[in-house]
Amino acid sequence: MLKAASATQKQIHLVRLHEQSKKNLEQDIQNYREEAQKQRKIIYQLEKERDRYINEASDLTQRV
């Protein structure tokens, strides 16, 4: 009976560790998603800026 109780306690401990690891990984995934969203926003802004500069350069080239 003591062996069974000890084994049960070990399993409970392992389950808690796995649950905590799961929470940590889920939080990491959420952080990566948020960071990816920020980077997509930055990329979009940079692409708009690039297009604006291309248009400005084209306009200046036509004037010259």
N, C-alpha and C. Protein backbone atom coordinates (compact mmCIF):
# COMPACT_ATOMS: atom_id res chain seq x y z
N MET A 1 0.82 -1.19 0.00
CA MET A 1 0.00 0.00 0.00
C MET A 1 0.87 1.27 0.00
N LEU A 2 1.99 1.24 0.75
CA LEU A 2 2.88 2.40 0.76
C LEU A 2 3.51 2.61 -0.61
N LYS A 3 3.86 1.51 -1.28
CA LYS A 3 4.43 1.63 -2.62
C LYS A 3 3.42 2.26 -3.57
N ALA A 4 2.18 1.83 -3.47
CA ALA A 4 1.13 2.36 -4.33
C ALA A 4 0.91 3.85 -4.04
N ALA A 5 0.93 4.22 -2.79
CA ALA A 5 0.75 5.63 -2.42
C ALA A 5 1.92 6.46 -2.94
N SER A 6 3.11 5.93 -2.82
CA SER A 6 4.29 6.63 -3.31
C SER A 6 4.23 6.79 -4.83
N ALA A 7 3.85 5.71 -5.51
CA ALA A 7 3.73 5.77 -6.97
C ALA A 7 2.66 6.78 -7.38
N THR A 8 1.57 6.81 -6.65
CA THR A 8 0.50 7.76 -6.94
C THR A 8 0.99 9.18 -6.77
N GLN A 9 1.74 9.44 -5.70
CA GLN A 9 2.27 10.78 -5.46
C GLN A 9 3.23 11.19 -6.58
N LYS A 10 4.04 10.25 -7.05
CA LYS A 10 4.96 10.55 -8.15
C LYS A 10 4.18 10.91 -9.41
N GLN A 11 3.11 10.15 -9.67
CA GLN A 11 2.30 10.42 -10.85
C GLN A 11 1.61 11.79 -10.74
N ILE A 12 1.11 12.09 -9.56
CA ILE A 12 0.47 13.39 -9.34
C ILE A 12 1.48 14.51 -9.59
N HIS A 13 2.68 14.33 -9.07
CA HIS A 13 3.74 15.32 -9.26
C HIS A 13 4.06 15.48 -10.75
N LEU A 14 4.17 14.37 -11.46
CA LEU A 14 4.46 14.42 -12.89
C LEU A 14 3.33 15.11 -13.67
N VAL A 15 2.10 14.83 -13.29
CA VAL A 15 0.97 15.47 -13.95
C VAL A 15 1.02 16.98 -13.74
N ARG A 16 1.32 17.40 -12.53
CA ARG A 16 1.43 18.84 -12.25
C ARG A 16 2.56 19.47 -13.06
N LEU A 17 3.68 18.77 -13.15
CA LEU A 17 4.79 19.29 -13.95
C LEU A 17 4.38 19.43 -15.42
N HIS A 18 3.69 18.42 -15.93
CA HIS A 18 3.25 18.46 -17.33
C HIS A 18 2.24 19.58 -17.55
N GLU A 19 1.35 19.76 -16.61
CA GLU A 19 0.36 20.83 -16.73
C GLU A 19 1.04 22.20 -16.74
N GLN A 20 2.04 22.37 -15.89
CA GLN A 20 2.77 23.64 -15.85
C GLN A 20 3.54 23.84 -17.14
N SER A 21 4.15 22.78 -17.63
CA SER A 21 4.87 22.87 -18.91
C SER A 21 3.90 23.24 -20.03
N LYS A 22 2.72 22.66 -20.02
CA LYS A 22 1.71 22.96 -21.03
C LYS A 22 1.33 24.44 -20.98
N LYS A 23 1.10 24.96 -19.77
CA LYS A 23 0.75 26.37 -19.62
C LYS A 23 1.88 27.26 -20.14
N ASN A 24 3.11 26.91 -19.79
CA ASN A 24 4.25 27.70 -20.25
C ASN A 24 4.36 27.69 -21.77
N LEU A 25 4.18 26.52 -22.37
CA LEU A 25 4.26 26.42 -23.83
C LEU A 25 3.12 27.18 -24.50
N GLU A 26 1.93 27.11 -23.93
CA GLU A 26 0.80 27.86 -24.49
C GLU A 26 1.07 29.36 -24.42
N GLN A 27 1.67 29.81 -23.33
CA GLN A 27 2.01 31.23 -23.20
C GLN A 27 3.09 31.61 -24.21
N ASP A 28 4.08 30.74 -24.40
CA ASP A 28 5.11 30.99 -25.40
C ASP A 28 4.50 31.11 -26.79
N ILE A 29 3.58 30.21 -27.11
CA ILE A 29 2.92 30.25 -28.41
C ILE A 29 2.16 31.56 -28.59
N GLN A 30 1.45 31.97 -27.56
CA GLN A 30 0.71 33.23 -27.63
C GLN A 30 1.66 34.40 -27.83
N ASN A 31 2.78 34.39 -27.13
CA ASN A 31 3.76 35.47 -27.29
C ASN A 31 4.32 35.49 -28.71
N TYR A 32 4.60 34.30 -29.27
CA TYR A 32 5.11 34.23 -30.64
C TYR A 32 4.07 34.73 -31.63
N ARG A 33 2.81 34.40 -31.39
CA ARG A 33 1.74 34.89 -32.28
C ARG A 33 1.66 36.41 -32.24
N GLU A 34 1.73 36.96 -31.03
CA GLU A 34 1.66 38.42 -30.90
C GLU A 34 2.85 39.08 -31.58
N GLU A 35 4.03 38.50 -31.40
CA GLU A 35 5.23 39.05 -32.03
C GLU A 35 5.13 38.95 -33.56
N ALA A 36 4.63 37.84 -34.05
CA ALA A 36 4.46 37.67 -35.50
C ALA A 36 3.48 38.71 -36.04
N GLN A 37 2.41 38.98 -35.29
CA GLN A 37 1.45 39.99 -35.71
C GLN A 37 2.10 41.36 -35.77
N LYS A 38 2.91 41.70 -34.77
CA LYS A 38 3.62 42.98 -34.77
C LYS A 38 4.55 43.07 -35.98
N GLN A 39 5.26 41.98 -36.25
CA GLN A 39 6.19 41.99 -37.38
C GLN A 39 5.45 42.11 -38.71
N ARG A 40 4.28 41.46 -38.83
CA ARG A 40 3.49 41.60 -40.06
C ARG A 40 3.07 43.05 -40.25
N LYS A 41 2.70 43.71 -39.16
CA LYS A 41 2.30 45.11 -39.22
C LYS A 41 3.46 45.98 -39.67
N ILE A 42 4.64 45.73 -39.11
CA ILE A 42 5.83 46.49 -39.48
C ILE A 42 6.17 46.26 -40.95
N ILE A 43 6.08 45.02 -41.39
CA ILE A 43 6.37 44.69 -42.80
C ILE A 43 5.42 45.43 -43.71
N TYR A 44 4.14 45.44 -43.35
CA TYR A 44 3.14 46.14 -44.16
C TYR A 44 3.48 47.63 -44.26
N GLN A 45 3.85 48.23 -43.13
CA GLN A 45 4.19 49.66 -43.12
C GLN A 45 5.44 49.91 -43.97
N LEU A 46 6.42 49.03 -43.87
CA LEU A 46 7.63 49.20 -44.67
C LEU A 46 7.35 49.04 -46.16
N GLU A 47 6.46 48.12 -46.51
CA GLU A 47 6.10 47.95 -47.91
C GLU A 47 5.38 49.19 -48.45
N LYS A 48 4.50 49.77 -47.63
CA LYS A 48 3.81 51.01 -48.04
C LYS A 48 4.83 52.13 -48.25
N GLU A 49 5.77 52.23 -47.32
CA GLU A 49 6.80 53.25 -47.42
C GLU A 49 7.66 53.04 -48.66
N ARG A 50 8.01 51.80 -48.93
CA ARG A 50 8.80 51.47 -50.12
C ARG A 50 8.05 51.89 -51.38
N ASP A 51 6.77 51.54 -51.45
CA ASP A 51 5.97 51.89 -52.61
C ASP A 51 5.88 53.41 -52.79
N ARG A 52 5.76 54.11 -51.69
CA ARG A 52 5.71 55.58 -51.75
C ARG A 52 7.00 56.14 -52.32
N TYR A 53 8.14 55.60 -51.84
CA TYR A 53 9.43 56.07 -52.35
C TYR A 53 9.62 55.71 -53.82
N ILE A 54 9.14 54.56 -54.22
CA ILE A 54 9.23 54.17 -55.63
C ILE A 54 8.43 55.15 -56.48
N ASN A 55 7.23 55.48 -56.02
CA ASN A 55 6.40 56.44 -56.76
C ASN A 55 7.05 57.81 -56.81
N GLU A 56 7.62 58.26 -55.71
CA GLU A 56 8.30 59.55 -55.68
C GLU A 56 9.48 59.55 -56.65
N ALA A 57 10.26 58.47 -56.63
CA ALA A 57 11.41 58.38 -57.53
C ALA A 57 10.96 58.38 -58.99
N SER A 58 9.88 57.69 -59.27
CA SER A 58 9.35 57.65 -60.62
C SER A 58 8.89 59.04 -61.07
N ASP A 59 8.20 59.73 -60.18
CA ASP A 59 7.74 61.08 -60.50
C ASP A 59 8.92 62.01 -60.76
N LEU A 60 9.94 61.94 -59.91
CA LEU A 60 11.12 62.78 -60.08
C LEU A 60 11.86 62.44 -61.37
N THR A 61 11.92 61.18 -61.70
CA THR A 61 12.58 60.76 -62.93
C THR A 61 11.84 61.31 -64.16
N GLN A 62 10.52 61.30 -64.10
CA GLN A 62 9.74 61.83 -65.22
C GLN A 62 9.91 63.34 -65.37
N ARG A 63 10.05 64.04 -64.25
CA ARG A 63 10.24 65.49 -64.31
C ARG A 63 11.58 65.85 -64.91
N VAL A 64 12.57 65.01 -64.63
CA VAL A 64 13.92 65.29 -65.14
C VAL A 64 13.96 64.84 -66.57
